[in-house]
């Protein structure tokens, strides 16, 4: 049975922190592939056009044969739910043990997702700790155990582990801010992504 991971997000834009998380996951749990899934119209967010975000993802990941970009969310109309993404990808990749790469913030909200309790036990969860919240690993573990307990109350089991990554203080929102303020984003994103942002005048307003 192959081991694959889903890495969903807005990726607005993709940066070195995302790539580091995906590369760490690849080796920490011996994955065959990381499938990057850009969200079509993320709720509560004003994002760059889906086509721009997909193009930047493809530019950033093309040199790694273990990375692939899926347009599964772009083909779906209406609200996009994580459980539907997993079901759709399972049809494309049968006989797979699934992992889901997720940031600590998003993992904290998992019990409140649409069919989140069900989704929780359909895959293993690989959690990227965050630098910006300032938690220690002990505090982060406590947050994850609280999620686990919430699910256990409803008789749902979840398997999770932290990704052992160096904490990088770079975020998509920081990059967008730098672009608006005309600061350099070199070395925060791959050079191909930096050129694409400049050539398409993204995030300048």
C-alpha atoms as a PDB file:
ATOM      1  CA  UNK A   1       0.000   0.000   0.000  1.00  0.00           C
ATOM      2  CA  UNK A   2       1.426   3.357  -1.036  1.00  0.00           C
ATOM      3  CA  UNK A   3       1.750   6.262   1.401  1.00  0.00           C
ATOM      4  CA  UNK A   4       0.651   9.668   0.108  1.00  0.00           C
ATOM      5  CA  UNK A   5       0.079  13.022   1.808  1.00  0.00           C
ATOM      6  CA  UNK A   6      -2.310  15.833   1.011  1.00  0.00           C
ATOM      7  CA  UNK A   7      -1.030  19.347   1.607  1.00  0.00           C
ATOM      8  CA  UNK A   8      -3.940  21.737   1.216  1.00  0.00           C
ATOM      9  CA  UNK A   9      -3.898  25.489   1.546  1.00  0.00           C
ATOM     10  CA  UNK A  10      -4.346  28.850  -0.100  1.00  0.00           C
ATOM     11  CA  UNK A  11      -0.626  29.099  -1.016  1.00  0.00           C
ATOM     12  CA  UNK A  12      -0.997  32.830  -1.573  1.00  0.00           C
ATOM     13  CA  UNK A  13       1.901  32.715  -2.367  1.00  0.00           C
ATOM     14  CA  UNK A  14       3.823  29.492  -1.787  1.00  0.00           C
ATOM     15  CA  UNK A  15       7.093  30.125   0.090  1.00  0.00           C
ATOM     16  CA  UNK A  16      10.153  28.279   1.398  1.00  0.00           C
ATOM     17  CA  UNK A  17       8.368  27.440   4.669  1.00  0.00           C
ATOM     18  CA  UNK A  18       5.719  25.416   2.776  1.00  0.00           C
ATOM     19  CA  UNK A  19       8.402  23.596   0.785  1.00  0.00           C
ATOM     20  CA  UNK A  20      10.370  22.788   3.931  1.00  0.00           C
ATOM     21  CA  UNK A  21       7.246  21.343   5.583  1.00  0.00           C
ATOM     22  CA  UNK A  22       6.480  19.144   2.549  1.00  0.00           C
ATOM     23  CA  UNK A  23      10.084  17.925   2.220  1.00  0.00           C
ATOM     24  CA  UNK A  24      10.216  17.082   5.933  1.00  0.00           C
ATOM     25  CA  UNK A  25       6.952  15.101   5.694  1.00  0.00           C
ATOM     26  CA  UNK A  26       8.258  13.203   2.672  1.00  0.00           C
ATOM     27  CA  UNK A  27      11.189  11.782   4.620  1.00  0.00           C
ATOM     28  CA  UNK A  28       9.807  11.643   8.159  1.00  0.00           C
ATOM     29  CA  UNK A  29       7.104   9.116   7.267  1.00  0.00           C
ATOM     30  CA  UNK A  30       8.535   7.695   3.999  1.00  0.00           C
ATOM     31  CA  UNK A  31       5.926   9.116   1.648  1.00  0.00           C
ATOM     32  CA  UNK A  32       5.904   8.284  -2.049  1.00  0.00           C
ATOM     33  CA  UNK A  33       4.346  11.627  -2.899  1.00  0.00           C
ATOM     34  CA  UNK A  34       3.059  14.919  -1.500  1.00  0.00           C
ATOM     35  CA  UNK A  35      -0.046  16.147  -3.333  1.00  0.00           C
ATOM     36  CA  UNK A  36      -0.399  19.924  -3.123  1.00  0.00           C
ATOM     37  CA  UNK A  37      -4.053  20.997  -3.197  1.00  0.00           C
ATOM     38  CA  UNK A  38      -4.639  24.746  -3.638  1.00  0.00           C
ATOM     39  CA  UNK A  39      -8.058  25.874  -2.428  1.00  0.00           C
ATOM     40  CA  UNK A  40     -10.312  27.415  -5.069  1.00  0.00           C
ATOM     41  CA  UNK A  41     -12.125  30.162  -3.158  1.00  0.00           C
ATOM     42  CA  UNK A  42     -10.963  30.053   0.446  1.00  0.00           C
ATOM     43  CA  UNK A  43     -13.669  31.209   2.873  1.00  0.00           C
ATOM     44  CA  UNK A  44     -12.953  34.407   4.843  1.00  0.00           C
ATOM     45  CA  UNK A  45      -9.989  35.267   2.596  1.00  0.00           C
ATOM     46  CA  UNK A  46      -9.333  37.530  -0.368  1.00  0.00           C
ATOM     47  CA  UNK A  47      -6.845  35.506  -2.394  1.00  0.00           C
ATOM     48  CA  UNK A  48      -5.017  35.915  -5.697  1.00  0.00           C
ATOM     49  CA  UNK A  49      -6.689  34.204  -8.631  1.00  0.00           C
ATOM     50  CA  UNK A  50      -6.672  30.392  -8.473  1.00  0.00           C
ATOM     51  CA  UNK A  51      -4.778  30.271 -11.802  1.00  0.00           C
ATOM     52  CA  UNK A  52      -1.969  32.467 -10.424  1.00  0.00           C
ATOM     53  CA  UNK A  53      -1.654  30.412  -7.236  1.00  0.00           C
ATOM     54  CA  UNK A  54      -1.579  27.150  -9.216  1.00  0.00           C
ATOM     55  CA  UNK A  55       1.091  28.489 -11.574  1.00  0.00           C
ATOM     56  CA  UNK A  56       3.281  29.579  -8.637  1.00  0.00           C
ATOM     57  CA  UNK A  57       2.843  26.146  -7.016  1.00  0.00           C
ATOM     58  CA  UNK A  58       3.846  24.401 -10.217  1.00  0.00           C
ATOM     59  CA  UNK A  59       6.911  26.618 -10.637  1.00  0.00           C
ATOM     60  CA  UNK A  60       8.003  26.011  -7.029  1.00  0.00           C
ATOM     61  CA  UNK A  61       7.500  22.232  -7.027  1.00  0.00           C
ATOM     62  CA  UNK A  62       8.461  21.190 -10.569  1.00  0.00           C
ATOM     63  CA  UNK A  63      12.032  20.180  -9.653  1.00  0.00           C
ATOM     64  CA  UNK A  64      10.895  17.601  -7.095  1.00  0.00           C
ATOM     65  CA  UNK A  65       9.458  14.422  -8.676  1.00  0.00           C
ATOM     66  CA  UNK A  66       7.786  13.525  -5.365  1.00  0.00           C
ATOM     67  CA  UNK A  67       5.671  16.717  -5.447  1.00  0.00           C
ATOM     68  CA  UNK A  68       2.537  16.980  -7.571  1.00  0.00           C
ATOM     69  CA  UNK A  69      -0.114  19.705  -7.791  1.00  0.00           C
ATOM     70  CA  UNK A  70      -3.765  18.628  -7.886  1.00  0.00           C
ATOM     71  CA  UNK A  71      -6.527  20.801  -9.342  1.00  0.00           C
ATOM     72  CA  UNK A  72      -9.217  18.702  -7.630  1.00  0.00           C
ATOM     73  CA  UNK A  73     -10.668  21.726  -5.806  1.00  0.00           C
ATOM     74  CA  UNK A  74     -10.744  23.797  -9.000  1.00  0.00           C
ATOM     75  CA  UNK A  75     -13.028  21.253 -10.647  1.00  0.00           C
ATOM     76  CA  UNK A  76     -15.623  21.373  -7.891  1.00  0.00           C
ATOM     77  CA  UNK A  77     -18.423  23.907  -7.718  1.00  0.00           C
ATOM     78  CA  UNK A  78     -19.732  25.346  -4.455  1.00  0.00           C
ATOM     79  CA  UNK A  79     -18.050  25.172  -1.092  1.00  0.00           C
ATOM     80  CA  UNK A  80     -14.978  22.976  -0.972  1.00  0.00           C
ATOM     81  CA  UNK A  81     -14.749  20.638   2.002  1.00  0.00           C
ATOM     82  CA  UNK A  82     -11.633  18.729   3.027  1.00  0.00           C
ATOM     83  CA  UNK A  83     -13.466  15.408   3.264  1.00  0.00           C
ATOM     84  CA  UNK A  84     -14.576  15.723  -0.378  1.00  0.00           C
ATOM     85  CA  UNK A  85     -10.984  16.370  -1.404  1.00  0.00           C
ATOM     86  CA  UNK A  86      -9.850  13.180   0.314  1.00  0.00           C
ATOM     87  CA  UNK A  87     -12.708  11.145  -1.217  1.00  0.00           C
ATOM     88  CA  UNK A  88     -11.951  12.506  -4.718  1.00  0.00           C
ATOM     89  CA  UNK A  89      -8.223  11.862  -4.413  1.00  0.00           C
ATOM     90  CA  UNK A  90      -8.867   8.360  -3.024  1.00  0.00           C
ATOM     91  CA  UNK A  91     -10.686   7.575  -6.278  1.00  0.00           C
ATOM     92  CA  UNK A  92      -7.588   8.703  -8.249  1.00  0.00           C
ATOM     93  CA  UNK A  93      -5.126   6.917  -5.947  1.00  0.00           C
ATOM     94  CA  UNK A  94      -6.698   3.643  -4.747  1.00  0.00           C
ATOM     95  CA  UNK A  95      -4.998   1.392  -2.211  1.00  0.00           C
ATOM     96  CA  UNK A  96      -3.395   4.311  -0.372  1.00  0.00           C
ATOM     97  CA  UNK A  97      -2.602   5.049   3.238  1.00  0.00           C
ATOM     98  CA  UNK A  98      -3.320   8.774   3.519  1.00  0.00           C
ATOM     99  CA  UNK A  99      -1.610  11.496   5.529  1.00  0.00           C
ATOM    100  CA  UNK A 100      -2.736  15.098   5.813  1.00  0.00           C
ATOM    101  CA  UNK A 101      -0.163  17.872   6.294  1.00  0.00           C
ATOM    102  CA  UNK A 102      -1.615  20.708   8.324  1.00  0.00           C
ATOM    103  CA  UNK A 103      -0.570  23.694  10.394  1.00  0.00           C
ATOM    104  CA  UNK A 104      -1.236  23.753  14.123  1.00  0.00           C
ATOM    105  CA  UNK A 105      -3.811  26.580  13.803  1.00  0.00           C
ATOM    106  CA  UNK A 106      -5.949  24.665  11.327  1.00  0.00           C
ATOM    107  CA  UNK A 107      -5.585  21.369  13.220  1.00  0.00           C
ATOM    108  CA  UNK A 108      -6.993  23.056  16.311  1.00  0.00           C
ATOM    109  CA  UNK A 109     -10.258  23.709  14.429  1.00  0.00           C
ATOM    110  CA  UNK A 110     -10.583  20.182  12.956  1.00  0.00           C
ATOM    111  CA  UNK A 111     -13.428  19.054  15.294  1.00  0.00           C
ATOM    112  CA  UNK A 112     -15.546  21.925  13.890  1.00  0.00           C
ATOM    113  CA  UNK A 113     -14.945  21.131  10.202  1.00  0.00           C
ATOM    114  CA  UNK A 114     -17.733  19.745   8.016  1.00  0.00           C
ATOM    115  CA  UNK A 115     -17.690  15.996   8.828  1.00  0.00           C
ATOM    116  CA  UNK A 116     -14.442  16.682  10.673  1.00  0.00           C
ATOM    117  CA  UNK A 117     -14.924  13.842  13.158  1.00  0.00           C
ATOM    118  CA  UNK A 118     -15.227  11.411  10.257  1.00  0.00           C
ATOM    119  CA  UNK A 119     -12.281  12.891   8.375  1.00  0.00           C
ATOM    120  CA  UNK A 120     -10.110  12.735  11.509  1.00  0.00           C
ATOM    121  CA  UNK A 121      -9.833   8.963  11.337  1.00  0.00           C
ATOM    122  CA  UNK A 122      -9.611   8.627   7.545  1.00  0.00           C
ATOM    123  CA  UNK A 123      -5.943   9.672   7.499  1.00  0.00           C
ATOM    124  CA  UNK A 124      -2.948  10.295   9.739  1.00  0.00           C
ATOM    125  CA  UNK A 125      -2.174  13.922  10.563  1.00  0.00           C
ATOM    126  CA  UNK A 126       1.245  15.529  10.171  1.00  0.00           C
ATOM    127  CA  UNK A 127       1.308  18.793  12.079  1.00  0.00           C
ATOM    128  CA  UNK A 128       3.591  21.709  11.347  1.00  0.00           C
ATOM    129  CA  UNK A 129       4.197  23.656  14.578  1.00  0.00           C
ATOM    130  CA  UNK A 130       4.080  27.428  14.265  1.00  0.00           C
ATOM    131  CA  UNK A 131       6.627  30.033  15.180  1.00  0.00           C
ATOM    132  CA  UNK A 132       4.310  33.030  15.153  1.00  0.00           C
ATOM    133  CA  UNK A 133       2.155  31.869  18.072  1.00  0.00           C
ATOM    134  CA  UNK A 134       5.231  31.573  20.266  1.00  0.00           C
ATOM    135  CA  UNK A 135       4.239  28.198  21.760  1.00  0.00           C
ATOM    136  CA  UNK A 136       6.812  25.756  22.973  1.00  0.00           C
ATOM    137  CA  UNK A 137       6.552  22.205  21.639  1.00  0.00           C
ATOM    138  CA  UNK A 138       5.030  21.199  25.012  1.00  0.00           C
ATOM    139  CA  UNK A 139       2.263  23.792  24.617  1.00  0.00           C
ATOM    140  CA  UNK A 140       1.713  22.723  21.017  1.00  0.00           C
ATOM    141  CA  UNK A 141       1.403  19.084  22.104  1.00  0.00           C
ATOM    142  CA  UNK A 142      -1.161  20.144  24.687  1.00  0.00           C
ATOM    143  CA  UNK A 143      -3.235  21.836  21.952  1.00  0.00           C
ATOM    144  CA  UNK A 144      -3.124  18.643  19.851  1.00  0.00           C
ATOM    145  CA  UNK A 145      -4.055  16.452  22.823  1.00  0.00           C
ATOM    146  CA  UNK A 146      -7.081  18.672  23.464  1.00  0.00           C
ATOM    147  CA  UNK A 147      -8.207  18.068  19.868  1.00  0.00           C
ATOM    148  CA  UNK A 148      -7.655  14.333  20.370  1.00  0.00           C
ATOM    149  CA  UNK A 149      -9.734  14.393  23.564  1.00  0.00           C
ATOM    150  CA  UNK A 150     -12.593  16.272  21.864  1.00  0.00           C
ATOM    151  CA  UNK A 151     -12.713  13.572  19.190  1.00  0.00           C
ATOM    152  CA  UNK A 152     -12.364  10.730  21.691  1.00  0.00           C
ATOM    153  CA  UNK A 153     -15.478  11.987  23.517  1.00  0.00           C
ATOM    154  CA  UNK A 154     -17.414  11.149  20.359  1.00  0.00           C
ATOM    155  CA  UNK A 155     -15.608   7.787  20.023  1.00  0.00           C
ATOM    156  CA  UNK A 156     -13.407   8.944  17.138  1.00  0.00           C
ATOM    157  CA  UNK A 157      -9.733   7.997  17.056  1.00  0.00           C
ATOM    158  CA  UNK A 158      -7.060  10.239  15.535  1.00  0.00           C
ATOM    159  CA  UNK A 159      -3.395   9.546  14.819  1.00  0.00           C
ATOM    160  CA  UNK A 160      -1.118  12.569  14.683  1.00  0.00           C
ATOM    161  CA  UNK A 161       2.533  13.514  14.954  1.00  0.00           C
ATOM    162  CA  UNK A 162       4.585  16.682  14.724  1.00  0.00           C
ATOM    163  CA  UNK A 163       6.843  17.360  11.787  1.00  0.00           C
ATOM    164  CA  UNK A 164      10.399  17.903  12.986  1.00  0.00           C
ATOM    165  CA  UNK A 165      11.055  21.138  11.144  1.00  0.00           C
ATOM    166  CA  UNK A 166      13.193  24.125  11.999  1.00  0.00           C
ATOM    167  CA  UNK A 167      10.787  26.971  12.711  1.00  0.00           C
ATOM    168  CA  UNK A 168      10.928  29.499   9.895  1.00  0.00           C
ATOM    169  CA  UNK A 169       9.398  32.910  10.543  1.00  0.00           C
ATOM    170  CA  UNK A 170       8.059  33.380   7.023  1.00  0.00           C
ATOM    171  CA  UNK A 171       4.379  33.513   6.091  1.00  0.00           C
ATOM    172  CA  UNK A 172       2.327  34.279   3.000  1.00  0.00           C
ATOM    173  CA  UNK A 173       0.845  37.325   4.733  1.00  0.00           C
ATOM    174  CA  UNK A 174       4.369  38.680   5.425  1.00  0.00           C
ATOM    175  CA  UNK A 175       5.295  38.232   1.759  1.00  0.00           C
ATOM    176  CA  UNK A 176       2.127  40.022   0.597  1.00  0.00           C
ATOM    177  CA  UNK A 177       2.921  42.863   3.032  1.00  0.00           C
ATOM    178  CA  UNK A 178       6.479  43.134   1.699  1.00  0.00           C
ATOM    179  CA  UNK A 179       5.142  43.272  -1.872  1.00  0.00           C
ATOM    180  CA  UNK A 180       2.713  46.069  -0.979  1.00  0.00           C
ATOM    181  CA  UNK A 181       5.510  47.993   0.713  1.00  0.00           C
ATOM    182  CA  UNK A 182       7.955  47.342  -2.160  1.00  0.00           C
ATOM    183  CA  UNK A 183      10.383  45.390   0.049  1.00  0.00           C
ATOM    184  CA  UNK A 184      12.464  42.570  -1.418  1.00  0.00           C
ATOM    185  CA  UNK A 185      11.057  39.050  -1.126  1.00  0.00           C
ATOM    186  CA  UNK A 186      14.192  37.409  -2.495  1.00  0.00           C
ATOM    187  CA  UNK A 187      15.112  34.310  -0.433  1.00  0.00           C
ATOM    188  CA  UNK A 188      11.592  34.164   1.047  1.00  0.00           C
ATOM    189  CA  UNK A 189      10.175  32.453  -2.050  1.00  0.00           C
ATOM    190  CA  UNK A 190      11.789  30.450  -4.867  1.00  0.00           C
ATOM    191  CA  UNK A 191      13.267  32.722  -7.532  1.00  0.00           C
ATOM    192  CA  UNK A 192      10.782  31.467 -10.142  1.00  0.00           C
ATOM    193  CA  UNK A 193       7.906  32.492  -7.854  1.00  0.00           C
ATOM    194  CA  UNK A 194       9.489  35.892  -7.170  1.00  0.00           C
ATOM    195  CA  UNK A 195       9.740  36.534 -10.919  1.00  0.00           C
ATOM    196  CA  UNK A 196       6.148  35.421 -11.488  1.00  0.00           C
ATOM    197  CA  UNK A 197       4.869  37.762  -8.757  1.00  0.00           C
ATOM    198  CA  UNK A 198       6.822  40.690 -10.264  1.00  0.00           C
ATOM    199  CA  UNK A 199       5.829  39.948 -13.875  1.00  0.00           C
ATOM    200  CA  UNK A 200       2.138  39.653 -12.972  1.00  0.00           C
ATOM    201  CA  UNK A 201       2.169  42.570 -10.549  1.00  0.00           C
ATOM    202  CA  UNK A 202       0.665  40.436  -7.770  1.00  0.00           C
ATOM    203  CA  UNK A 203       0.145  41.728  -4.212  1.00  0.00           C
ATOM    204  CA  UNK A 204       1.188  45.276  -5.102  1.00  0.00           C
ATOM    205  CA  UNK A 205      -2.047  46.832  -3.804  1.00  0.00           C
END
